Each structure stands twice: as structure tokens, then as C-alpha cells.
Amino acid sequence: MADRVIPNAGVLGGWRKSSHSNDQGGSCLEVLAGHPTGVPVRDSKAPEGPALVFPSAGWASFVTAVKDGRLSA
């Protein structure tokens, strides 16, 4: 499991915030493209905190499901 967590995500540059985020301090995710072991995801409100690394195929399936409206809040 240790290979699926980056303890201090702030050491990596190039994070991208969701296009659905706003500046009102709501819940936001940031992702990092080009990581060798998957797709790191972190909480934008805690950039120095940990990031979870998801397998690329699993992350792509999740994003597709969100875009297609197959997940509900």
C-alpha cells in the first residue's frame, strides 16, 4: 500500500485542479499527470499533505463515469 501513497505531495510540481472547482473554498481535487506509477490525487486544501496514487486505467474509468453522469452525489 505504501506505493499508493505519496506522504508529502507538495514536493511534486505540476498539479492541476479540477475545472469544476471554484475559488469559494469548496472541496477540490488536484491531479498530477505523467507520474510513473499511476495518477496521484490530492486535496487542494492540503497541498503539503498526502496524495493517493490510483492506477491509470482505474482513474480513467472513474473520470469517464463522472463525465457520463453515472455517479451521483
PDB file of N, CA and C in Angstrom:
ATOM      1  N   MET A   1       0.815  -1.194   0.000  1.00  0.00           N
ATOM      2  CA  MET A   1       0.000   0.000   0.000  1.00  0.00           C
ATOM      3  C   MET A   1       0.861   1.262   0.000  1.00  0.00           C
ATOM      4  N   ALA A   2       2.071   1.177   0.520  1.00  0.00           N
ATOM      5  CA  ALA A   2       2.942   2.349   0.587  1.00  0.00           C
ATOM      6  C   ALA A   2       3.227   2.925  -0.799  1.00  0.00           C
ATOM      7  N   ASP A   3       3.215   2.088  -1.833  1.00  0.00           N
ATOM      8  CA  ASP A   3       3.475   2.590  -3.176  1.00  0.00           C
ATOM      9  C   ASP A   3       2.260   3.320  -3.759  1.00  0.00           C
ATOM     10  N   ARG A   4       1.158   3.326  -3.034  1.00  0.00           N
ATOM     11  CA  ARG A   4      -0.057   4.011  -3.485  1.00  0.00           C
ATOM     12  C   ARG A   4      -0.296   5.316  -2.732  1.00  0.00           C
ATOM     13  N   VAL A   5       0.698   5.734  -1.926  1.00  0.00           N
ATOM     14  CA  VAL A   5       0.581   6.974  -1.165  1.00  0.00           C
ATOM     15  C   VAL A   5       1.862   7.782  -1.324  1.00  0.00           C
ATOM     16  N   ILE A   6       1.705   9.070  -1.564  1.00  0.00           N
ATOM     17  CA  ILE A   6       2.828   9.997  -1.554  1.00  0.00           C
ATOM     18  C   ILE A   6       2.641  10.816  -0.276  1.00  0.00           C
ATOM     19  N   PRO A   7       3.474  10.601   0.748  1.00  0.00           N
ATOM     20  CA  PRO A   7       3.250  11.256   2.045  1.00  0.00           C
ATOM     21  C   PRO A   7       3.217  12.784   1.989  1.00  0.00           C
ATOM     22  N   ASN A   8       4.108  13.402   1.224  1.00  0.00           N
ATOM     23  CA  ASN A   8       4.148  14.856   1.120  1.00  0.00           C
ATOM     24  C   ASN A   8       4.021  15.228  -0.352  1.00  0.00           C
ATOM     25  N   ALA A   9       2.792  15.417  -0.782  1.00  0.00           N
ATOM     26  CA  ALA A   9       2.528  15.702  -2.196  1.00  0.00           C
ATOM     27  C   ALA A   9       3.070  17.055  -2.633  1.00  0.00           C
ATOM     28  N   GLY A  10       3.405  17.915  -1.683  1.00  0.00           N
ATOM     29  CA  GLY A  10       3.908  19.237  -2.010  1.00  0.00           C
ATOM     30  C   GLY A  10       5.278  19.228  -2.656  1.00  0.00           C
ATOM     31  N   VAL A  11       5.988  18.107  -2.584  1.00  0.00           N
ATOM     32  CA  VAL A  11       7.322  18.042  -3.184  1.00  0.00           C
ATOM     33  C   VAL A  11       7.259  17.887  -4.703  1.00  0.00           C
ATOM     34  N   LEU A  12       6.084  17.568  -5.223  1.00  0.00           N
ATOM     35  CA  LEU A  12       5.920  17.385  -6.663  1.00  0.00           C
ATOM     36  C   LEU A  12       5.251  18.611  -7.273  1.00  0.00           C
ATOM     37  N   GLY A  13       5.725  19.037  -8.409  1.00  0.00           N
ATOM     38  CA  GLY A  13       5.133  20.174  -9.100  1.00  0.00           C
ATOM     39  C   GLY A  13       4.263  19.717 -10.256  1.00  0.00           C
ATOM     40  N   GLY A  14       3.433  20.618 -10.767  1.00  0.00           N
ATOM     41  CA  GLY A  14       2.620  20.317 -11.938  1.00  0.00           C
ATOM     42  C   GLY A  14       1.211  19.862 -11.639  1.00  0.00           C
ATOM     43  N   TRP A  15       0.729  20.082 -10.426  1.00  0.00           N
ATOM     44  CA  TRP A  15      -0.629  19.674 -10.072  1.00  0.00           C
ATOM     45  C   TRP A  15      -1.645  20.501 -10.852  1.00  0.00           C
ATOM     46  N   ARG A  16      -2.766  19.868 -11.191  1.00  0.00           N
ATOM     47  CA  ARG A  16      -3.837  20.522 -11.944  1.00  0.00           C
ATOM     48  C   ARG A  16      -5.140  20.369 -11.170  1.00  0.00           C
ATOM     49  N   LYS A  17      -5.814  21.496 -10.941  1.00  0.00           N
ATOM     50  CA  LYS A  17      -7.076  21.480 -10.199  1.00  0.00           C
ATOM     51  C   LYS A  17      -8.228  21.184 -11.155  1.00  0.00           C
ATOM     52  N   SER A  18      -9.238  20.530 -10.654  1.00  0.00           N
ATOM     53  CA  SER A  18     -10.414  20.220 -11.445  1.00  0.00           C
ATOM     54  C   SER A  18     -11.006  21.479 -12.057  1.00  0.00           C
ATOM     55  N   SER A  19     -11.467  21.381 -13.287  1.00  0.00           N
ATOM     56  CA  SER A  19     -12.104  22.518 -13.954  1.00  0.00           C
ATOM     57  C   SER A  19     -13.452  22.843 -13.317  1.00  0.00           C
ATOM     58  N   HIS A  20     -13.970  21.951 -12.486  1.00  0.00           N
ATOM     59  CA  HIS A  20     -15.238  22.179 -11.792  1.00  0.00           C
ATOM     60  C   HIS A  20     -15.037  22.880 -10.457  1.00  0.00           C
ATOM     61  N   SER A  21     -13.797  23.162 -10.107  1.00  0.00           N
ATOM     62  CA  SER A  21     -13.502  23.834  -8.845  1.00  0.00           C
ATOM     63  C   SER A  21     -13.799  25.318  -8.961  1.00  0.00           C
ATOM     64  N   ASN A  22     -14.011  25.925  -7.807  1.00  0.00           N
ATOM     65  CA  ASN A  22     -14.185  27.372  -7.780  1.00  0.00           C
ATOM     66  C   ASN A  22     -13.280  27.937  -6.688  1.00  0.00           C
ATOM     67  N   ASP A  23     -13.303  29.233  -6.513  1.00  0.00           N
ATOM     68  CA  ASP A  23     -12.451  29.875  -5.514  1.00  0.00           C
ATOM     69  C   ASP A  23     -13.182  30.114  -4.199  1.00  0.00           C
ATOM     70  N   GLN A  24     -14.258  29.407  -3.970  1.00  0.00           N
ATOM     71  CA  GLN A  24     -15.057  29.600  -2.763  1.00  0.00           C
ATOM     72  C   GLN A  24     -14.612  28.700  -1.610  1.00  0.00           C
ATOM     73  N   GLY A  25     -13.528  27.937  -1.789  1.00  0.00           N
ATOM     74  CA  GLY A  25     -13.017  27.090  -0.714  1.00  0.00           C
ATOM     75  C   GLY A  25     -13.741  25.768  -0.574  1.00  0.00           C
ATOM     76  N   GLY A  26     -14.427  25.343  -1.597  1.00  0.00           N
ATOM     77  CA  GLY A  26     -15.143  24.073  -1.552  1.00  0.00           C
ATOM     78  C   GLY A  26     -14.206  22.893  -1.681  1.00  0.00           C
ATOM     79  N   SER A  27     -14.779  21.727  -1.778  1.00  0.00           N
ATOM     80  CA  SER A  27     -13.987  20.507  -1.913  1.00  0.00           C
ATOM     81  C   SER A  27     -13.411  20.425  -3.317  1.00  0.00           C
ATOM     82  N   CYS A  28     -12.093  20.371  -3.401  1.00  0.00           N
ATOM     83  CA  CYS A  28     -11.438  20.329  -4.705  1.00  0.00           C
ATOM     84  C   CYS A  28     -10.360  19.258  -4.722  1.00  0.00           C
ATOM     85  N   LEU A  29     -10.233  18.629  -5.844  1.00  0.00           N
ATOM     86  CA  LEU A  29      -9.168  17.661  -6.058  1.00  0.00           C
ATOM     87  C   LEU A  29      -8.168  18.227  -7.042  1.00  0.00           C
ATOM     88  N   GLU A  30      -6.926  17.798  -6.884  1.00  0.00           N
ATOM     89  CA  GLU A  30      -5.893  18.108  -7.862  1.00  0.00           C
ATOM     90  C   GLU A  30      -5.274  16.797  -8.303  1.00  0.00           C
ATOM     91  N   VAL A  31      -4.909  16.716  -9.562  1.00  0.00           N
ATOM     92  CA  VAL A  31      -4.276  15.518 -10.106  1.00  0.00           C
ATOM     93  C   VAL A  31      -2.938  15.897 -10.719  1.00  0.00           C
ATOM     94  N   LEU A  32      -2.092  14.904 -10.842  1.00  0.00           N
ATOM     95  CA  LEU A  32      -0.761  15.108 -11.409  1.00  0.00           C
ATOM     96  C   LEU A  32      -0.584  14.139 -12.571  1.00  0.00           C
ATOM     97  N   ALA A  33      -0.419  14.668 -13.758  1.00  0.00           N
ATOM     98  CA  ALA A  33      -0.226  13.821 -14.944  1.00  0.00           C
ATOM     99  C   ALA A  33       1.234  13.421 -15.075  1.00  0.00           C
ATOM    100  N   GLY A  34       1.466  12.311 -15.705  1.00  0.00           N
ATOM    101  CA  GLY A  34       2.818  11.885 -16.028  1.00  0.00           C
ATOM    102  C   GLY A  34       3.578  11.175 -14.921  1.00  0.00           C
ATOM    103  N   HIS A  35       2.906  10.820 -13.840  1.00  0.00           N
ATOM    104  CA  HIS A  35       3.582  10.091 -12.765  1.00  0.00           C
ATOM    105  C   HIS A  35       3.816   8.658 -13.236  1.00  0.00           C
ATOM    106  N   PRO A  36       4.969   8.061 -12.931  1.00  0.00           N
ATOM    107  CA  PRO A  36       5.301   6.743 -13.482  1.00  0.00           C
ATOM    108  C   PRO A  36       4.473   5.571 -12.954  1.00  0.00           C
ATOM    109  N   THR A  37       3.825   5.716 -11.800  1.00  0.00           N
ATOM    110  CA  THR A  37       3.113   4.561 -11.241  1.00  0.00           C
ATOM    111  C   THR A  37       1.601   4.705 -11.244  1.00  0.00           C
ATOM    112  N   GLY A  38       1.068   5.804 -11.773  1.00  0.00           N
ATOM    113  CA  GLY A  38      -0.375   5.987 -11.794  1.00  0.00           C
ATOM    114  C   GLY A  38      -0.731   7.453 -11.780  1.00  0.00           C
ATOM    115  N   VAL A  39      -1.913   7.769 -11.224  1.00  0.00           N
ATOM    116  CA  VAL A  39      -2.401   9.145 -11.179  1.00  0.00           C
ATOM    117  C   VAL A  39      -2.512   9.583  -9.717  1.00  0.00           C
ATOM    118  N   PRO A  40      -1.590  10.434  -9.253  1.00  0.00           N
ATOM    119  CA  PRO A  40      -1.702  10.959  -7.898  1.00  0.00           C
ATOM    120  C   PRO A  40      -2.859  11.955  -7.800  1.00  0.00           C
ATOM    121  N   VAL A  41      -3.594  11.880  -6.694  1.00  0.00           N
ATOM    122  CA  VAL A  41      -4.733  12.752  -6.439  1.00  0.00           C
ATOM    123  C   VAL A  41      -4.579  13.294  -5.020  1.00  0.00           C
ATOM    124  N   ARG A  42      -4.756  14.614  -4.858  1.00  0.00           N
ATOM    125  CA  ARG A  42      -4.639  15.208  -3.523  1.00  0.00           C
ATOM    126  C   ARG A  42      -5.763  16.204  -3.285  1.00  0.00           C
ATOM    127  N   ASP A  43      -5.938  16.572  -2.039  1.00  0.00           N
ATOM    128  CA  ASP A  43      -6.900  17.585  -1.628  1.00  0.00           C
ATOM    129  C   ASP A  43      -6.246  18.941  -1.834  1.00  0.00           C
ATOM    130  N   SER A  44      -6.870  19.810  -2.610  1.00  0.00           N
ATOM    131  CA  SER A  44      -6.264  21.110  -2.910  1.00  0.00           C
ATOM    132  C   SER A  44      -6.127  21.985  -1.669  1.00  0.00           C
ATOM    133  N   LYS A  45      -6.923  21.710  -0.637  1.00  0.00           N
ATOM    134  CA  LYS A  45      -6.835  22.499   0.589  1.00  0.00           C
ATOM    135  C   LYS A  45      -5.669  22.056   1.471  1.00  0.00           C
ATOM    136  N   ALA A  46      -5.051  20.937   1.150  1.00  0.00           N
ATOM    137  CA  ALA A  46      -3.919  20.417   1.924  1.00  0.00           C
ATOM    138  C   ALA A  46      -2.801  19.999   0.975  1.00  0.00           C
ATOM    139  N   PRO A  47      -2.214  20.948   0.230  1.00  0.00           N
ATOM    140  CA  PRO A  47      -1.231  20.592  -0.789  1.00  0.00           C
ATOM    141  C   PRO A  47       0.036  19.933  -0.260  1.00  0.00           C
ATOM    142  N   GLU A  48       0.357  20.138   1.002  1.00  0.00           N
ATOM    143  CA  GLU A  48       1.544  19.501   1.582  1.00  0.00           C
ATOM    144  C   GLU A  48       1.212  18.137   2.178  1.00  0.00           C
ATOM    145  N   GLY A  49      -0.052  17.795   2.183  1.00  0.00           N
ATOM    146  CA  GLY A  49      -0.490  16.530   2.749  1.00  0.00           C
ATOM    147  C   GLY A  49      -0.249  15.380   1.787  1.00  0.00           C
ATOM    148  N   PRO A  50      -0.825  14.248   2.100  1.00  0.00           N
ATOM    149  CA  PRO A  50      -0.605  13.068   1.254  1.00  0.00           C
ATOM    150  C   PRO A  50      -1.418  13.104  -0.034  1.00  0.00           C
ATOM    151  N   ALA A  51      -0.983  12.318  -0.985  1.00  0.00           N
ATOM    152  CA  ALA A  51      -1.725  12.081  -2.223  1.00  0.00           C
ATOM    153  C   ALA A  51      -1.905  10.581  -2.367  1.00  0.00           C
ATOM    154  N   LEU A  52      -3.029  10.182  -2.873  1.00  0.00           N
ATOM    155  CA  LEU A  52      -3.270   8.780  -3.195  1.00  0.00           C
ATOM    156  C   LEU A  52      -2.952   8.574  -4.663  1.00  0.00           C
ATOM    157  N   VAL A  53      -2.319   7.452  -4.981  1.00  0.00           N
ATOM    158  CA  VAL A  53      -1.957   7.155  -6.366  1.00  0.00           C
ATOM    159  C   VAL A  53      -2.865   6.035  -6.865  1.00  0.00           C
ATOM    160  N   PHE A  54      -3.682   6.380  -7.846  1.00  0.00           N
ATOM    161  CA  PHE A  54      -4.617   5.415  -8.420  1.00  0.00           C
ATOM    162  C   PHE A  54      -4.045   4.839  -9.704  1.00  0.00           C
ATOM    163  N   PRO A  55      -4.321   3.559  -9.996  1.00  0.00           N
ATOM    164  CA  PRO A  55      -3.895   3.002 -11.285  1.00  0.00           C
ATOM    165  C   PRO A  55      -4.509   3.830 -12.420  1.00  0.00           C
ATOM    166  N   SER A  56      -3.740   4.060 -13.455  1.00  0.00           N
ATOM    167  CA  SER A  56      -4.190   4.914 -14.564  1.00  0.00           C
ATOM    168  C   SER A  56      -5.507   4.449 -15.173  1.00  0.00           C
ATOM    169  N   ALA A  57      -5.659   3.155 -15.393  1.00  0.00           N
ATOM    170  CA  ALA A  57      -6.894   2.638 -16.002  1.00  0.00           C
ATOM    171  C   ALA A  57      -8.089   2.861 -15.084  1.00  0.00           C
ATOM    172  N   GLY A  58      -7.905   2.663 -13.794  1.00  0.00           N
ATOM    173  CA  GLY A  58      -8.987   2.883 -12.839  1.00  0.00           C
ATOM    174  C   GLY A  58      -9.396   4.343 -12.774  1.00  0.00           C
ATOM    175  N   TRP A  59      -8.415   5.242 -12.796  1.00  0.00           N
ATOM    176  CA  TRP A  59      -8.715   6.675 -12.768  1.00  0.00           C
ATOM    177  C   TRP A  59      -9.468   7.078 -14.041  1.00  0.00           C
ATOM    178  N   ALA A  60      -9.036   6.563 -15.185  1.00  0.00           N
ATOM    179  CA  ALA A  60      -9.710   6.880 -16.448  1.00  0.00           C
ATOM    180  C   ALA A  60     -11.166   6.405 -16.421  1.00  0.00           C
ATOM    181  N   SER A  61     -11.411   5.243 -15.869  1.00  0.00           N
ATOM    182  CA  SER A  61     -12.787   4.726 -15.765  1.00  0.00           C
ATOM    183  C   SER A  61     -13.626   5.603 -14.854  1.00  0.00           C
ATOM    184  N   PHE A  62     -13.044   6.038 -13.740  1.00  0.00           N
ATOM    185  CA  PHE A  62     -13.740   6.927 -12.809  1.00  0.00           C
ATOM    186  C   PHE A  62     -14.110   8.244 -13.495  1.00  0.00           C
ATOM    187  N   VAL A  63     -13.159   8.877 -14.171  1.00  0.00           N
ATOM    188  CA  VAL A  63     -13.406  10.150 -14.839  1.00  0.00           C
ATOM    189  C   VAL A  63     -14.489   9.989 -15.907  1.00  0.00           C
ATOM    190  N   THR A  64     -14.451   8.916 -16.660  1.00  0.00           N
ATOM    191  CA  THR A  64     -15.469   8.670 -17.682  1.00  0.00           C
ATOM    192  C   THR A  64     -16.841   8.530 -17.042  1.00  0.00           C
ATOM    193  N   ALA A  65     -16.936   7.796 -15.935  1.00  0.00           N
ATOM    194  CA  ALA A  65     -18.212   7.613 -15.246  1.00  0.00           C
ATOM    195  C   ALA A  65     -18.758   8.946 -14.736  1.00  0.00           C
ATOM    196  N   VAL A  66     -17.884   9.806 -14.225  1.00  0.00           N
ATOM    197  CA  VAL A  66     -18.322  11.127 -13.752  1.00  0.00           C
ATOM    198  C   VAL A  66     -18.842  11.946 -14.927  1.00  0.00           C
ATOM    199  N   LYS A  67     -18.081  11.985 -16.016  1.00  0.00           N
ATOM    200  CA  LYS A  67     -18.485  12.770 -17.186  1.00  0.00           C
ATOM    201  C   LYS A  67     -19.792  12.266 -17.779  1.00  0.00           C
ATOM    202  N   ASP A  68     -20.015  10.954 -17.720  1.00  0.00           N
ATOM    203  CA  ASP A  68     -21.238  10.364 -18.280  1.00  0.00           C
ATOM    204  C   ASP A  68     -22.429  10.471 -17.334  1.00  0.00           C
ATOM    205  N   GLY A  69     -22.197  10.992 -16.118  1.00  0.00           N
ATOM    206  CA  GLY A  69     -23.291  11.136 -15.153  1.00  0.00           C
ATOM    207  C   GLY A  69     -23.711   9.828 -14.499  1.00  0.00           C
ATOM    208  N   ARG A  70     -22.831   8.843 -14.492  1.00  0.00           N
ATOM    209  CA  ARG A  70     -23.177   7.551 -13.904  1.00  0.00           C
ATOM    210  C   ARG A  70     -22.940   7.489 -12.405  1.00  0.00           C
ATOM    211  N   LEU A  71     -22.404   8.547 -11.838  1.00  0.00           N
ATOM    212  CA  LEU A  71     -22.199   8.618 -10.388  1.00  0.00           C
ATOM    213  C   LEU A  71     -23.036   9.742  -9.840  1.00  0.00           C
ATOM    214  N   SER A  72     -23.604   9.541  -8.689  1.00  0.00           N
ATOM    215  CA  SER A  72     -24.399  10.602  -8.086  1.00  0.00           C
ATOM    216  C   SER A  72     -23.809  10.992  -6.736  1.00  0.00           C
ATOM    217  N   ALA A  73     -24.088  12.193  -6.327  1.00  0.00           N
ATOM    218  CA  ALA A  73     -23.546  12.724  -5.071  1.00  0.00           C
ATOM    219  C   ALA A  73     -24.267  12.168  -3.877  1.00  0.00           C
TER     220      ALA A  73
END
